[in-house]
Amino acid sequence: MTDIQQLRSNETELRHLLEMSEKGSLEQSLRLLGLYVAAYKQIHGELNHQLLAARLNQQEMDNETLQLFSNGLQEAISMLTMIETSRPSTQTGKPAQLLN
């Protein structure tokens, strides 16, 4: 799978998870991802916002940028899947089953 195909696949998977997730799961995922960013900043210093903005505004993305975005989406997918599958469903009281 090419980098752009992987990015599109990750975007589709994340979109599906977002549609299926409860608000509480989304909130918890954001808290944990925020914690990851804070831990990174504590160890490595402030993120270079100008560099990130420049990457976002590129007309065409290079492979490194595609991989960065794909990895970021995969982190979000992993975090949300972990939260969703560990939370009891409000309807059944059992942990949610998002992925077959």
N, C-alpha and C. Protein backbone atom coordinates (compact mmCIF):
# COMPACT_ATOMS: atom_id res chain seq x y z
N MET A 1 0.85 -1.17 0.00
CA MET A 1 0.00 0.00 0.00
C MET A 1 0.90 1.24 0.00
N THR A 2 0.59 2.19 -0.86
CA THR A 2 1.38 3.42 -0.92
C THR A 2 1.07 4.30 0.29
N ASP A 3 1.92 5.30 0.52
CA ASP A 3 1.72 6.21 1.65
C ASP A 3 0.37 6.91 1.56
N ILE A 4 -0.01 7.36 0.37
CA ILE A 4 -1.28 8.08 0.22
C ILE A 4 -2.46 7.14 0.41
N GLN A 5 -2.34 5.89 -0.03
CA GLN A 5 -3.40 4.91 0.20
C GLN A 5 -3.55 4.61 1.69
N GLN A 6 -2.42 4.50 2.39
CA GLN A 6 -2.46 4.25 3.83
C GLN A 6 -3.11 5.42 4.55
N LEU A 7 -2.77 6.64 4.15
CA LEU A 7 -3.37 7.82 4.76
C LEU A 7 -4.88 7.82 4.55
N ARG A 8 -5.32 7.55 3.34
CA ARG A 8 -6.76 7.51 3.05
C ARG A 8 -7.45 6.41 3.84
N SER A 9 -6.81 5.26 3.95
CA SER A 9 -7.37 4.15 4.72
C SER A 9 -7.52 4.54 6.19
N ASN A 10 -6.48 5.17 6.74
CA ASN A 10 -6.54 5.62 8.13
C ASN A 10 -7.63 6.67 8.33
N GLU A 11 -7.77 7.59 7.38
CA GLU A 11 -8.82 8.61 7.47
C GLU A 11 -10.21 7.96 7.48
N THR A 12 -10.41 6.98 6.63
CA THR A 12 -11.70 6.29 6.56
C THR A 12 -11.98 5.54 7.86
N GLU A 13 -10.97 4.84 8.37
CA GLU A 13 -11.15 4.09 9.61
C GLU A 13 -11.45 5.02 10.78
N LEU A 14 -10.73 6.15 10.87
CA LEU A 14 -10.97 7.10 11.96
C LEU A 14 -12.37 7.70 11.84
N ARG A 15 -12.77 8.05 10.63
CA ARG A 15 -14.11 8.61 10.42
C ARG A 15 -15.18 7.62 10.90
N HIS A 16 -15.01 6.35 10.58
CA HIS A 16 -15.95 5.31 11.01
C HIS A 16 -15.98 5.23 12.54
N LEU A 17 -14.83 5.21 13.16
CA LEU A 17 -14.76 5.15 14.63
C LEU A 17 -15.42 6.36 15.27
N LEU A 18 -15.20 7.54 14.71
CA LEU A 18 -15.80 8.75 15.25
C LEU A 18 -17.32 8.70 15.18
N GLU A 19 -17.83 8.19 14.08
CA GLU A 19 -19.29 8.08 13.93
C GLU A 19 -19.89 7.09 14.92
N MET A 20 -19.16 6.04 15.26
CA MET A 20 -19.66 4.98 16.12
C MET A 20 -19.43 5.25 17.62
N SER A 21 -18.58 6.21 17.93
CA SER A 21 -18.17 6.43 19.31
C SER A 21 -19.12 7.32 20.09
N GLU A 22 -19.18 7.05 21.37
CA GLU A 22 -19.96 7.88 22.27
C GLU A 22 -19.14 9.12 22.64
N LYS A 23 -19.83 10.18 23.01
CA LYS A 23 -19.18 11.44 23.35
C LYS A 23 -18.14 11.26 24.47
N GLY A 24 -18.45 10.47 25.46
CA GLY A 24 -17.52 10.25 26.57
C GLY A 24 -16.22 9.61 26.11
N SER A 25 -16.31 8.73 25.14
CA SER A 25 -15.11 8.10 24.59
C SER A 25 -14.26 9.11 23.84
N LEU A 26 -14.92 9.98 23.09
CA LEU A 26 -14.19 11.01 22.37
C LEU A 26 -13.48 11.95 23.34
N GLU A 27 -14.17 12.33 24.40
CA GLU A 27 -13.57 13.21 25.41
C GLU A 27 -12.36 12.55 26.05
N GLN A 28 -12.49 11.28 26.43
CA GLN A 28 -11.39 10.57 27.07
C GLN A 28 -10.21 10.42 26.11
N SER A 29 -10.48 10.15 24.85
CA SER A 29 -9.42 10.03 23.85
C SER A 29 -8.66 11.35 23.70
N LEU A 30 -9.40 12.46 23.66
CA LEU A 30 -8.74 13.77 23.56
C LEU A 30 -7.88 14.05 24.78
N ARG A 31 -8.37 13.69 25.95
CA ARG A 31 -7.57 13.89 27.17
C ARG A 31 -6.26 13.11 27.09
N LEU A 32 -6.34 11.84 26.68
CA LEU A 32 -5.15 11.01 26.62
C LEU A 32 -4.18 11.47 25.52
N LEU A 33 -4.71 11.85 24.38
CA LEU A 33 -3.84 12.36 23.33
C LEU A 33 -3.18 13.67 23.76
N GLY A 34 -3.93 14.50 24.49
CA GLY A 34 -3.35 15.72 25.05
C GLY A 34 -2.22 15.41 26.02
N LEU A 35 -2.41 14.36 26.81
CA LEU A 35 -1.38 13.92 27.74
C LEU A 35 -0.13 13.47 26.98
N TYR A 36 -0.31 12.75 25.87
CA TYR A 36 0.82 12.34 25.03
C TYR A 36 1.59 13.56 24.54
N VAL A 37 0.88 14.57 24.06
CA VAL A 37 1.54 15.77 23.55
C VAL A 37 2.28 16.48 24.69
N ALA A 38 1.65 16.58 25.85
CA ALA A 38 2.30 17.23 26.99
C ALA A 38 3.56 16.48 27.41
N ALA A 39 3.51 15.16 27.41
CA ALA A 39 4.69 14.36 27.77
C ALA A 39 5.80 14.57 26.74
N TYR A 40 5.44 14.60 25.47
CA TYR A 40 6.43 14.85 24.41
C TYR A 40 7.10 16.21 24.63
N LYS A 41 6.27 17.23 24.89
CA LYS A 41 6.80 18.58 25.07
C LYS A 41 7.68 18.68 26.30
N GLN A 42 7.34 17.94 27.34
CA GLN A 42 8.14 17.97 28.56
C GLN A 42 9.54 17.39 28.29
N ILE A 43 9.60 16.38 27.47
CA ILE A 43 10.88 15.73 27.17
C ILE A 43 11.64 16.46 26.06
N HIS A 44 10.95 16.85 24.99
CA HIS A 44 11.61 17.36 23.79
C HIS A 44 11.46 18.86 23.57
N GLY A 45 10.68 19.52 24.39
CA GLY A 45 10.48 20.95 24.22
C GLY A 45 9.25 21.25 23.37
N GLU A 46 9.03 22.52 23.19
CA GLU A 46 7.85 23.00 22.46
C GLU A 46 7.84 22.50 21.03
N LEU A 47 6.66 22.21 20.53
CA LEU A 47 6.51 21.82 19.13
C LEU A 47 6.76 23.03 18.24
N ASN A 48 7.32 22.80 17.07
CA ASN A 48 7.57 23.87 16.13
C ASN A 48 6.30 24.10 15.32
N HIS A 49 5.48 25.05 15.76
CA HIS A 49 4.18 25.30 15.12
C HIS A 49 4.34 25.83 13.70
N GLN A 50 5.39 26.59 13.44
CA GLN A 50 5.62 27.10 12.09
C GLN A 50 5.92 25.96 11.12
N LEU A 51 6.71 25.00 11.56
CA LEU A 51 7.04 23.86 10.72
C LEU A 51 5.78 23.02 10.45
N LEU A 52 4.98 22.80 11.47
CA LEU A 52 3.74 22.04 11.29
C LEU A 52 2.77 22.77 10.37
N ALA A 53 2.65 24.08 10.53
CA ALA A 53 1.76 24.87 9.67
C ALA A 53 2.25 24.83 8.23
N ALA A 54 3.56 24.89 8.03
CA ALA A 54 4.11 24.83 6.67
C ALA A 54 3.79 23.49 6.03
N ARG A 55 3.87 22.41 6.81
CA ARG A 55 3.55 21.09 6.28
C ARG A 55 2.08 20.99 5.92
N LEU A 56 1.23 21.59 6.73
CA LEU A 56 -0.21 21.56 6.45
C LEU A 56 -0.57 22.32 5.19
N ASN A 57 0.18 23.36 4.89
CA ASN A 57 -0.15 24.25 3.77
C ASN A 57 0.56 23.89 2.47
N GLN A 58 1.28 22.77 2.44
CA GLN A 58 1.97 22.36 1.22
C GLN A 58 0.96 22.01 0.13
N GLN A 59 1.28 22.37 -1.10
CA GLN A 59 0.43 21.98 -2.23
C GLN A 59 0.48 20.47 -2.43
N GLU A 60 1.67 19.90 -2.34
CA GLU A 60 1.86 18.45 -2.43
C GLU A 60 2.68 18.01 -1.24
N MET A 61 2.26 16.91 -0.64
CA MET A 61 2.97 16.42 0.54
C MET A 61 4.07 15.46 0.13
N ASP A 62 5.22 15.60 0.79
CA ASP A 62 6.29 14.64 0.56
C ASP A 62 6.02 13.38 1.39
N ASN A 63 6.80 12.34 1.16
CA ASN A 63 6.56 11.07 1.83
C ASN A 63 6.67 11.17 3.35
N GLU A 64 7.60 11.99 3.82
CA GLU A 64 7.78 12.16 5.26
C GLU A 64 6.53 12.77 5.90
N THR A 65 5.95 13.78 5.24
CA THR A 65 4.74 14.42 5.75
C THR A 65 3.55 13.47 5.69
N LEU A 66 3.42 12.73 4.59
CA LEU A 66 2.35 11.73 4.49
C LEU A 66 2.46 10.71 5.62
N GLN A 67 3.67 10.25 5.88
CA GLN A 67 3.88 9.27 6.94
C GLN A 67 3.55 9.87 8.31
N LEU A 68 3.92 11.12 8.52
CA LEU A 68 3.62 11.80 9.78
C LEU A 68 2.11 11.86 10.01
N PHE A 69 1.37 12.29 8.99
CA PHE A 69 -0.08 12.35 9.12
C PHE A 69 -0.69 10.97 9.31
N SER A 70 -0.21 10.01 8.58
CA SER A 70 -0.72 8.64 8.70
C SER A 70 -0.46 8.09 10.10
N ASN A 71 0.74 8.33 10.63
CA ASN A 71 1.06 7.89 11.99
C ASN A 71 0.18 8.58 13.02
N GLY A 72 -0.08 9.87 12.81
CA GLY A 72 -0.95 10.61 13.72
C GLY A 72 -2.36 10.05 13.72
N LEU A 73 -2.88 9.75 12.53
CA LEU A 73 -4.21 9.15 12.45
C LEU A 73 -4.23 7.79 13.11
N GLN A 74 -3.17 7.02 12.92
CA GLN A 74 -3.11 5.68 13.54
C GLN A 74 -3.09 5.79 15.06
N GLU A 75 -2.40 6.80 15.59
CA GLU A 75 -2.41 7.02 17.05
C GLU A 75 -3.83 7.31 17.53
N ALA A 76 -4.53 8.18 16.80
CA ALA A 76 -5.91 8.52 17.16
C ALA A 76 -6.80 7.29 17.08
N ILE A 77 -6.64 6.48 16.04
CA ILE A 77 -7.42 5.25 15.88
C ILE A 77 -7.16 4.30 17.04
N SER A 78 -5.89 4.10 17.37
CA SER A 78 -5.53 3.20 18.46
C SER A 78 -6.10 3.66 19.79
N MET A 79 -5.98 4.95 20.06
CA MET A 79 -6.46 5.51 21.31
C MET A 79 -7.98 5.36 21.41
N LEU A 80 -8.71 5.74 20.38
CA LEU A 80 -10.16 5.68 20.41
C LEU A 80 -10.65 4.24 20.48
N THR A 81 -10.00 3.35 19.75
CA THR A 81 -10.37 1.94 19.81
C THR A 81 -10.17 1.38 21.21
N MET A 82 -9.05 1.72 21.83
CA MET A 82 -8.77 1.26 23.19
C MET A 82 -9.84 1.76 24.16
N ILE A 83 -10.18 3.04 24.07
CA ILE A 83 -11.17 3.62 24.96
C ILE A 83 -12.54 2.99 24.72
N GLU A 84 -12.95 2.93 23.46
CA GLU A 84 -14.27 2.40 23.12
C GLU A 84 -14.44 0.94 23.53
N THR A 85 -13.43 0.14 23.33
CA THR A 85 -13.56 -1.29 23.63
C THR A 85 -13.46 -1.57 25.12
N SER A 86 -12.96 -0.62 25.89
CA SER A 86 -12.86 -0.83 27.34
C SER A 86 -14.03 -0.23 28.11
N ARG A 87 -14.83 0.62 27.45
CA ARG A 87 -15.98 1.26 28.11
C ARG A 87 -17.22 0.40 27.96
N PRO A 88 -18.00 0.28 29.02
CA PRO A 88 -19.28 -0.41 28.86
C PRO A 88 -20.21 0.40 27.97
N SER A 89 -20.91 -0.26 27.10
CA SER A 89 -21.89 0.40 26.24
C SER A 89 -23.03 0.89 27.11
N THR A 90 -23.57 2.06 26.80
CA THR A 90 -24.69 2.58 27.58
C THR A 90 -25.95 1.76 27.34
N GLN A 91 -25.99 1.02 26.24
CA GLN A 91 -27.17 0.24 25.93
C GLN A 91 -27.12 -1.16 26.54
N THR A 92 -25.94 -1.79 26.55
CA THR A 92 -25.86 -3.17 27.00
C THR A 92 -25.15 -3.34 28.34
N GLY A 93 -24.36 -2.35 28.75
CA GLY A 93 -23.57 -2.47 29.97
C GLY A 93 -22.31 -3.29 29.76
N LYS A 94 -22.10 -3.82 28.56
CA LYS A 94 -20.91 -4.61 28.22
C LYS A 94 -19.96 -3.74 27.42
N PRO A 95 -18.67 -4.10 27.42
CA PRO A 95 -17.74 -3.30 26.62
C PRO A 95 -18.17 -3.24 25.16
N ALA A 96 -17.99 -2.07 24.55
CA ALA A 96 -18.40 -1.86 23.17
C ALA A 96 -17.57 -2.73 22.24
N GLN A 97 -18.15 -3.17 21.15
CA GLN A 97 -17.48 -3.93 20.13
C GLN A 97 -17.56 -3.13 18.82
N LEU A 98 -16.50 -2.37 18.53
CA LEU A 98 -16.52 -1.55 17.32
C LEU A 98 -16.02 -2.31 16.11
N LEU A 99 -15.02 -3.13 16.30
CA LEU A 99 -14.41 -3.82 15.16
C LEU A 99 -14.72 -5.30 15.26
N ASN A 100 -15.03 -5.90 14.13
CA ASN A 100 -15.33 -7.33 14.11
C ASN A 100 -14.06 -8.12 14.00
